[in-house]
Amino acid sequence: MEKFLNDYMVNNAAKDGIPTVQFTFDALGVSPGYLSGMLKSITGEITQQHIHNKLIITAK
């Protein structure tokens, strides 16, 4: 997910905007429950928070 978000923020965010949670699930080929559970257990964040935090880090 980190690689996907990094690549997306660099290459697509300016023209396509922030990726949606559903777009992220689809791009990674995983179920929403699986990805959400993994992120919550590893980072303590829900998927939407993680995407927004990545956007903030990229913008800085």
N, C-alpha and C. Protein backbone atom coordinates (compact mmCIF):
# COMPACT_ATOMS: atom_id res chain seq x y z
N MET A 1 0.82 -1.18 0.00
CA MET A 1 0.00 0.00 0.00
C MET A 1 0.87 1.25 0.00
N GLU A 2 1.95 1.24 0.75
CA GLU A 2 2.82 2.41 0.80
C GLU A 2 3.38 2.74 -0.58
N LYS A 3 3.84 1.73 -1.28
CA LYS A 3 4.37 1.95 -2.63
C LYS A 3 3.28 2.50 -3.54
N PHE A 4 2.11 1.91 -3.48
CA PHE A 4 1.00 2.39 -4.31
C PHE A 4 0.70 3.85 -4.01
N LEU A 5 0.56 4.20 -2.72
CA LEU A 5 0.23 5.58 -2.37
C LEU A 5 1.35 6.54 -2.75
N ASN A 6 2.59 6.15 -2.52
CA ASN A 6 3.71 7.02 -2.90
C ASN A 6 3.69 7.28 -4.40
N ASP A 7 3.56 6.23 -5.19
CA ASP A 7 3.53 6.37 -6.65
C ASP A 7 2.33 7.22 -7.09
N TYR A 8 1.18 6.96 -6.49
CA TYR A 8 -0.03 7.70 -6.87
C TYR A 8 0.12 9.18 -6.55
N MET A 9 0.62 9.49 -5.36
CA MET A 9 0.75 10.89 -4.96
C MET A 9 1.71 11.64 -5.87
N VAL A 10 2.77 10.99 -6.29
CA VAL A 10 3.75 11.64 -7.16
C VAL A 10 3.24 11.77 -8.59
N ASN A 11 2.59 10.73 -9.10
CA ASN A 11 2.23 10.69 -10.51
C ASN A 11 0.80 11.08 -10.86
N ASN A 12 -0.15 10.93 -9.94
CA ASN A 12 -1.55 11.10 -10.31
C ASN A 12 -2.33 12.11 -9.47
N ALA A 13 -1.88 12.41 -8.28
CA ALA A 13 -2.69 13.22 -7.37
C ALA A 13 -2.99 14.61 -7.92
N ALA A 14 -2.05 15.21 -8.61
CA ALA A 14 -2.26 16.56 -9.13
C ALA A 14 -3.40 16.62 -10.14
N LYS A 15 -3.51 15.60 -10.97
CA LYS A 15 -4.57 15.64 -12.00
C LYS A 15 -5.82 14.87 -11.60
N ASP A 16 -5.69 13.83 -10.77
CA ASP A 16 -6.84 12.99 -10.43
C ASP A 16 -7.36 13.21 -9.01
N GLY A 17 -6.65 13.94 -8.19
CA GLY A 17 -7.07 14.16 -6.82
C GLY A 17 -6.67 13.02 -5.91
N ILE A 18 -7.14 13.09 -4.69
CA ILE A 18 -6.82 12.08 -3.68
C ILE A 18 -7.52 10.78 -4.04
N PRO A 19 -6.81 9.65 -3.94
CA PRO A 19 -7.48 8.38 -4.25
C PRO A 19 -8.54 8.06 -3.20
N THR A 20 -9.65 7.55 -3.65
CA THR A 20 -10.69 7.14 -2.70
C THR A 20 -10.30 5.82 -2.05
N VAL A 21 -10.97 5.52 -0.97
CA VAL A 21 -10.71 4.25 -0.29
C VAL A 21 -11.05 3.09 -1.23
N GLN A 22 -12.16 3.18 -1.92
CA GLN A 22 -12.56 2.10 -2.84
C GLN A 22 -11.56 1.96 -3.97
N PHE A 23 -11.09 3.06 -4.53
CA PHE A 23 -10.08 3.01 -5.58
C PHE A 23 -8.83 2.30 -5.09
N THR A 24 -8.43 2.58 -3.87
CA THR A 24 -7.25 1.95 -3.27
C THR A 24 -7.45 0.45 -3.12
N PHE A 25 -8.61 0.03 -2.61
CA PHE A 25 -8.91 -1.39 -2.48
C PHE A 25 -8.83 -2.09 -3.84
N ASP A 26 -9.47 -1.47 -4.83
CA ASP A 26 -9.50 -2.05 -6.17
C ASP A 26 -8.10 -2.12 -6.78
N ALA A 27 -7.32 -1.06 -6.64
CA ALA A 27 -5.98 -1.03 -7.22
C ALA A 27 -5.06 -2.08 -6.60
N LEU A 28 -5.24 -2.33 -5.31
CA LEU A 28 -4.40 -3.30 -4.63
C LEU A 28 -4.94 -4.72 -4.75
N GLY A 29 -6.19 -4.85 -5.19
CA GLY A 29 -6.79 -6.17 -5.36
C GLY A 29 -7.07 -6.89 -4.05
N VAL A 30 -7.41 -6.12 -3.04
CA VAL A 30 -7.73 -6.72 -1.74
C VAL A 30 -9.12 -6.28 -1.30
N SER A 31 -9.68 -7.02 -0.37
CA SER A 31 -11.01 -6.67 0.12
C SER A 31 -10.90 -5.51 1.12
N PRO A 32 -11.96 -4.73 1.20
CA PRO A 32 -11.94 -3.62 2.16
C PRO A 32 -11.70 -4.08 3.60
N GLY A 33 -12.31 -5.18 3.98
CA GLY A 33 -12.14 -5.70 5.34
C GLY A 33 -10.71 -6.10 5.64
N TYR A 34 -10.07 -6.74 4.68
CA TYR A 34 -8.69 -7.17 4.87
C TYR A 34 -7.76 -5.98 5.04
N LEU A 35 -7.82 -5.03 4.10
CA LEU A 35 -6.92 -3.89 4.16
C LEU A 35 -7.19 -3.03 5.39
N SER A 36 -8.44 -2.80 5.69
CA SER A 36 -8.78 -1.99 6.86
C SER A 36 -8.27 -2.64 8.14
N GLY A 37 -8.45 -3.94 8.24
CA GLY A 37 -7.98 -4.67 9.42
C GLY A 37 -6.48 -4.62 9.57
N MET A 38 -5.78 -4.81 8.45
CA MET A 38 -4.32 -4.77 8.49
C MET A 38 -3.82 -3.38 8.88
N LEU A 39 -4.37 -2.34 8.26
CA LEU A 39 -3.93 -0.98 8.58
C LEU A 39 -4.22 -0.63 10.03
N LYS A 40 -5.39 -0.98 10.49
CA LYS A 40 -5.77 -0.67 11.87
C LYS A 40 -4.83 -1.36 12.85
N SER A 41 -4.47 -2.60 12.58
CA SER A 41 -3.60 -3.33 13.51
C SER A 41 -2.16 -2.84 13.46
N ILE A 42 -1.71 -2.37 12.29
CA ILE A 42 -0.32 -1.94 12.14
C ILE A 42 -0.13 -0.47 12.50
N THR A 43 -1.04 0.39 12.01
CA THR A 43 -0.86 1.83 12.20
C THR A 43 -1.81 2.45 13.21
N GLY A 44 -2.88 1.76 13.51
CA GLY A 44 -3.89 2.32 14.40
C GLY A 44 -4.82 3.29 13.69
N GLU A 45 -4.70 3.39 12.37
CA GLU A 45 -5.51 4.31 11.58
C GLU A 45 -6.45 3.54 10.66
N ILE A 46 -7.58 4.17 10.36
CA ILE A 46 -8.44 3.60 9.33
C ILE A 46 -7.86 3.98 7.97
N THR A 47 -8.33 3.36 6.92
CA THR A 47 -7.77 3.57 5.59
C THR A 47 -7.83 5.03 5.16
N GLN A 48 -8.96 5.69 5.38
CA GLN A 48 -9.11 7.09 4.97
C GLN A 48 -8.09 7.98 5.68
N GLN A 49 -7.87 7.76 6.97
CA GLN A 49 -6.88 8.54 7.71
C GLN A 49 -5.48 8.32 7.14
N HIS A 50 -5.18 7.09 6.81
CA HIS A 50 -3.87 6.75 6.27
C HIS A 50 -3.64 7.47 4.93
N ILE A 51 -4.63 7.48 4.08
CA ILE A 51 -4.52 8.15 2.79
C ILE A 51 -4.33 9.66 3.00
N HIS A 52 -5.10 10.25 3.89
CA HIS A 52 -4.96 11.68 4.15
C HIS A 52 -3.60 12.03 4.75
N ASN A 53 -3.11 11.20 5.64
CA ASN A 53 -1.80 11.43 6.23
C ASN A 53 -0.70 11.35 5.17
N LYS A 54 -0.85 10.41 4.23
CA LYS A 54 0.11 10.29 3.14
C LYS A 54 0.08 11.54 2.26
N LEU A 55 -1.10 12.09 2.03
CA LEU A 55 -1.23 13.32 1.25
C LEU A 55 -0.51 14.48 1.96
N ILE A 56 -0.68 14.59 3.24
CA ILE A 56 -0.04 15.66 4.02
C ILE A 56 1.47 15.52 3.97
N ILE A 57 1.97 14.31 4.16
CA ILE A 57 3.41 14.07 4.11
C ILE A 57 3.96 14.42 2.73
N THR A 58 3.25 14.03 1.69
CA THR A 58 3.68 14.31 0.32
C THR A 58 3.69 15.82 0.06
N ALA A 59 2.69 16.52 0.56
CA ALA A 59 2.59 17.96 0.34
C ALA A 59 3.72 18.72 1.04
N LYS A 60 4.16 18.21 2.17
CA LYS A 60 5.23 18.88 2.90
C LYS A 60 6.51 18.79 2.12
